[in-house]
C-alpha atoms as a PDB file:
ATOM      1  CA  MET A   1    -105.651  62.346 -45.364  1.00  0.00           C
ATOM      2  CA  ALA A   2    -105.639  65.710 -47.093  1.00  0.00           C
ATOM      3  CA  PHE A   3    -107.570  68.928 -46.703  1.00  0.00           C
ATOM      4  CA  HIS A   4    -108.082  71.139 -49.749  1.00  0.00           C
ATOM      5  CA  PRO A   5    -109.435  74.681 -49.407  1.00  0.00           C
ATOM      6  CA  TYR A   6    -112.546  75.352 -51.495  1.00  0.00           C
ATOM      7  CA  LEU A   7    -113.059  79.076 -51.881  1.00  0.00           C
ATOM      8  CA  ASN A   8    -116.132  80.972 -53.010  1.00  0.00           C
ATOM      9  CA  PHE A   9    -116.172  84.195 -54.983  1.00  0.00           C
ATOM     10  CA  GLY A  10    -118.864  86.709 -55.828  1.00  0.00           C
ATOM     11  CA  GLY A  11    -118.401  86.621 -59.612  1.00  0.00           C
ATOM     12  CA  ASN A  12    -114.630  87.050 -59.907  1.00  0.00           C
ATOM     13  CA  CYS A  13    -113.440  83.449 -59.526  1.00  0.00           C
ATOM     14  CA  ARG A  14    -111.982  83.368 -63.057  1.00  0.00           C
ATOM     15  CA  GLU A  15    -109.971  86.540 -62.433  1.00  0.00           C
ATOM     16  CA  ALA A  16    -108.789  85.371 -59.002  1.00  0.00           C
ATOM     17  CA  PHE A  17    -107.674  81.928 -60.156  1.00  0.00           C
ATOM     18  CA  THR A  18    -105.954  83.316 -63.224  1.00  0.00           C
ATOM     19  CA  ARG A  19    -103.985  85.552 -60.855  1.00  0.00           C
ATOM     20  CA  TYR A  20    -103.256  82.675 -58.469  1.00  0.00           C
ATOM     21  CA  GLN A  21    -101.872  80.672 -61.390  1.00  0.00           C
ATOM     22  CA  GLU A  22     -99.595  83.618 -62.237  1.00  0.00           C
ATOM     23  CA  ILE A  23     -98.356  83.663 -58.629  1.00  0.00           C
ATOM     24  CA  PHE A  24     -98.094  79.938 -57.842  1.00  0.00           C
ATOM     25  CA  GLY A  25     -97.849  78.321 -61.284  1.00  0.00           C
ATOM     26  CA  GLY A  26     -99.537  74.979 -61.805  1.00  0.00           C
ATOM     27  CA  GLU A  27    -102.317  73.704 -64.008  1.00  0.00           C
ATOM     28  CA  LEU A  28    -105.581  75.649 -64.003  1.00  0.00           C
ATOM     29  CA  VAL A  29    -108.943  74.137 -64.881  1.00  0.00           C
ATOM     30  CA  LEU A  30    -111.980  76.427 -65.126  1.00  0.00           C
ATOM     31  CA  LEU A  31    -115.485  75.088 -65.722  1.00  0.00           C
ATOM     32  CA  PRO A  32    -117.984  77.866 -66.484  1.00  0.00           C
ATOM     33  CA  MET A  33    -121.664  77.451 -65.707  1.00  0.00           C
ATOM     34  CA  SER A  34    -122.278  77.576 -69.465  1.00  0.00           C
ATOM     35  CA  ASP A  35    -120.784  74.043 -69.578  1.00  0.00           C
ATOM     36  CA  MET A  36    -123.634  72.648 -67.493  1.00  0.00           C
ATOM     37  CA  PRO A  37    -125.925  70.158 -69.248  1.00  0.00           C
ATOM     38  CA  ALA A  38    -128.684  71.693 -71.375  1.00  0.00           C
ATOM     39  CA  ASP A  39    -131.373  70.459 -68.971  1.00  0.00           C
ATOM     40  CA  GLU A  40    -129.809  72.539 -66.163  1.00  0.00           C
ATOM     41  CA  ALA A  41    -131.240  76.002 -66.668  1.00  0.00           C
ATOM     42  CA  VAL A  42    -128.492  78.594 -66.275  1.00  0.00           C
ATOM     43  CA  PRO A  43    -129.615  82.202 -66.660  1.00  0.00           C
ATOM     44  CA  ALA A  44    -127.714  83.970 -69.455  1.00  0.00           C
ATOM     45  CA  ASP A  45    -126.337  86.564 -67.026  1.00  0.00           C
ATOM     46  CA  ARG A  46    -124.692  83.757 -64.996  1.00  0.00           C
ATOM     47  CA  ALA A  47    -123.279  81.661 -67.851  1.00  0.00           C
ATOM     48  CA  ASP A  48    -119.738  83.058 -67.427  1.00  0.00           C
ATOM     49  CA  LEU A  49    -119.628  82.386 -63.687  1.00  0.00           C
ATOM     50  CA  ILE A  50    -117.321  79.549 -62.648  1.00  0.00           C
ATOM     51  CA  MET A  51    -119.010  76.439 -61.282  1.00  0.00           C
ATOM     52  CA  HIS A  52    -115.636  74.828 -60.473  1.00  0.00           C
ATOM     53  CA  ALA A  53    -112.028  75.985 -60.573  1.00  0.00           C
ATOM     54  CA  ALA A  54    -109.023  73.852 -59.696  1.00  0.00           C
ATOM     55  CA  LEU A  55    -105.406  74.953 -59.471  1.00  0.00           C
ATOM     56  CA  MET A  56    -103.108  71.952 -59.209  1.00  0.00           C
ATOM     57  CA  PHE A  57     -99.404  72.240 -58.511  1.00  0.00           C
ATOM     58  CA  GLU A  58     -97.051  69.609 -57.152  1.00  0.00           C
ATOM     59  CA  ASP A  59     -99.123  67.731 -54.569  1.00  0.00           C
ATOM     60  CA  HIS A  60    -101.367  70.691 -53.774  1.00  0.00           C
ATOM     61  CA  LEU A  61    -104.873  71.540 -54.878  1.00  0.00           C
ATOM     62  CA  LEU A  62    -106.784  74.784 -54.444  1.00  0.00           C
ATOM     63  CA  MET A  63    -110.413  74.822 -55.595  1.00  0.00           C
ATOM     64  CA  ALA A  64    -113.199  77.382 -55.860  1.00  0.00           C
ATOM     65  CA  SER A  65    -116.404  78.473 -57.531  1.00  0.00           C
ATOM     66  CA  ASP A  66    -118.510  81.580 -57.928  1.00  0.00           C
ATOM     67  CA  ASP A  67    -121.428  81.854 -55.539  1.00  0.00           C
ATOM     68  CA  PRO A  68    -124.433  82.349 -57.847  1.00  0.00           C
ATOM     69  CA  SER A  69    -126.613  83.796 -55.086  1.00  0.00           C
ATOM     70  CA  GLU A  70    -127.178  87.488 -54.618  1.00  0.00           C
ATOM     71  CA  ASP A  71    -126.084  87.217 -50.956  1.00  0.00           C
ATOM     72  CA  PHE A  72    -122.325  86.693 -51.332  1.00  0.00           C
ATOM     73  CA  GLY A  73    -120.393  88.581 -48.671  1.00  0.00           C
ATOM     74  CA  PRO A  74    -116.807  88.842 -47.484  1.00  0.00           C
ATOM     75  CA  VAL A  75    -114.899  85.710 -46.479  1.00  0.00           C
ATOM     76  CA  GLN A  76    -114.862  85.326 -42.706  1.00  0.00           C
ATOM     77  CA  GLY A  77    -113.412  82.903 -40.210  1.00  0.00           C
ATOM     78  CA  MET A  78    -110.591  81.424 -42.299  1.00  0.00           C
ATOM     79  CA  TYR A  79    -107.242  82.030 -43.983  1.00  0.00           C
ATOM     80  CA  VAL A  80    -105.500  80.138 -46.731  1.00  0.00           C
ATOM     81  CA  ASN A  81    -102.037  79.361 -45.370  1.00  0.00           C
ATOM     82  CA  TYR A  82     -99.147  79.228 -47.837  1.00  0.00           C
ATOM     83  CA  ALA A  83     -96.029  77.703 -46.292  1.00  0.00           C
ATOM     84  CA  VAL A  84     -92.742  77.606 -48.151  1.00  0.00           C
ATOM     85  CA  GLY A  85     -89.172  76.787 -47.148  1.00  0.00           C
ATOM     86  CA  ASP A  86     -87.590  79.747 -48.956  1.00  0.00           C
ATOM     87  CA  VAL A  87     -87.699  83.245 -47.439  1.00  0.00           C
ATOM     88  CA  ALA A  88     -87.309  84.962 -50.830  1.00  0.00           C
ATOM     89  CA  GLU A  89     -90.230  82.957 -52.236  1.00  0.00           C
ATOM     90  CA  ALA A  90     -92.359  83.849 -49.199  1.00  0.00           C
ATOM     91  CA  GLN A  91     -91.558  87.540 -49.817  1.00  0.00           C
ATOM     92  CA  ARG A  92     -92.424  87.277 -53.538  1.00  0.00           C
ATOM     93  CA  VAL A  93     -95.722  85.489 -52.925  1.00  0.00           C
ATOM     94  CA  PHE A  94     -96.762  87.825 -50.110  1.00  0.00           C
ATOM     95  CA  GLU A  95     -96.089  90.923 -52.218  1.00  0.00           C
ATOM     96  CA  ALA A  96     -98.025  89.445 -55.153  1.00  0.00           C
ATOM     97  CA  LEU A  97    -101.017  88.489 -52.984  1.00  0.00           C
ATOM     98  CA  ALA A  98    -101.040  91.846 -51.162  1.00  0.00           C
ATOM     99  CA  ASP A  99    -100.887  93.840 -54.426  1.00  0.00           C
ATOM    100  CA  GLY A 100    -104.217  95.667 -54.630  1.00  0.00           C
ATOM    101  CA  GLY A 101    -105.346  94.110 -51.351  1.00  0.00           C
ATOM    102  CA  GLN A 102    -104.790  94.893 -47.690  1.00  0.00           C
ATOM    103  CA  VAL A 103    -101.876  93.874 -45.477  1.00  0.00           C
ATOM    104  CA  THR A 104    -103.239  92.903 -42.064  1.00  0.00           C
ATOM    105  CA  MET A 105     -99.873  91.823 -40.598  1.00  0.00           C
ATOM    106  CA  PRO A 106     -96.698  92.888 -42.406  1.00  0.00           C
ATOM    107  CA  LEU A 107     -94.072  90.255 -43.146  1.00  0.00           C
ATOM    108  CA  ALA A 108     -91.725  89.938 -40.189  1.00  0.00           C
ATOM    109  CA  GLU A 109     -89.685  87.402 -38.292  1.00  0.00           C
ATOM    110  CA  THR A 110     -91.616  85.601 -35.559  1.00  0.00           C
ATOM    111  CA  PHE A 111     -90.604  83.093 -32.914  1.00  0.00           C
ATOM    112  CA  TRP A 112     -91.863  80.271 -35.181  1.00  0.00           C
ATOM    113  CA  SER A 113     -90.864  81.572 -38.587  1.00  0.00           C
ATOM    114  CA  PRO A 114     -88.094  83.568 -40.241  1.00  0.00           C
ATOM    115  CA  LEU A 115     -90.849  85.411 -42.154  1.00  0.00           C
ATOM    116  CA  PHE A 116     -94.621  85.467 -41.580  1.00  0.00           C
ATOM    117  CA  GLY A 117     -97.351  87.855 -42.716  1.00  0.00           C
ATOM    118  CA  MET A 118    -101.074  88.109 -43.343  1.00  0.00           C
ATOM    119  CA  CYS A 119    -103.068  89.913 -46.025  1.00  0.00           C
ATOM    120  CA  VAL A 120    -106.414  89.945 -47.775  1.00  0.00           C
ATOM    121  CA  ASP A 121    -105.927  89.896 -51.525  1.00  0.00           C
ATOM    122  CA  ARG A 122    -107.835  92.109 -53.966  1.00  0.00           C
ATOM    123  CA  PHE A 123    -110.381  89.301 -54.450  1.00  0.00           C
ATOM    124  CA  GLY A 124    -111.241  89.164 -50.745  1.00  0.00           C
ATOM    125  CA  THR A 125    -109.343  85.976 -49.874  1.00  0.00           C
ATOM    126  CA  PRO A 126    -107.460  86.116 -46.548  1.00  0.00           C
ATOM    127  CA  TRP A 127    -103.924  84.673 -46.740  1.00  0.00           C
ATOM    128  CA  MET A 128    -101.165  83.770 -44.294  1.00  0.00           C
ATOM    129  CA  VAL A 129     -97.691  83.438 -45.823  1.00  0.00           C
ATOM    130  CA  ASN A 130     -95.260  81.473 -43.708  1.00  0.00           C
ATOM    131  CA  ALA A 131     -91.583  80.808 -44.436  1.00  0.00           C
ATOM    132  CA  GLU A 132     -90.897  77.565 -42.640  1.00  0.00           C
ATOM    133  CA  ALA A 133     -87.895  77.525 -40.347  1.00  0.00           C
ATOM    134  CA  ALA A 134     -85.049  75.248 -41.376  1.00  0.00           C
ATOM    135  CA  GLU A 135     -84.782  72.021 -39.397  1.00  0.00           C
ATOM    136  CA  SER A 136     -82.204  72.439 -36.664  1.00  0.00           C
ATOM    137  CA  ALA A 137     -79.612  69.718 -36.163  1.00  0.00           C
ATOM    138  CA  SER A 138     -79.844  67.934 -32.810  1.00  0.00           C
END
């Protein structure tokens, strides 16, 4: 079983996923609404919106689309958790995600992690970055 976050954006999905590819690497697929079949009426002012984005790296998948409604608001009630075994990589990713956004919990050691922090990136996506503790020998 796998769970894959599917994010929504208010018109900046392309920009957000291009940035996420810069941060995480991987293969990016962007399908604009202009690629919809001709019989699906897409208003000209919405043709550049993204109907589906997929960022695939290793065995992970992050997906999203632009919300074409006029009622898109801030993301609430969730975080995308990025867990990595390397403290330096956790630091790099956190700094990249927080750039232009808001740090809600600075990176720090916790009782469960050598480094954990939370931020909302400049696109409005809430993130948790978690450096996983090394397995202890028993």
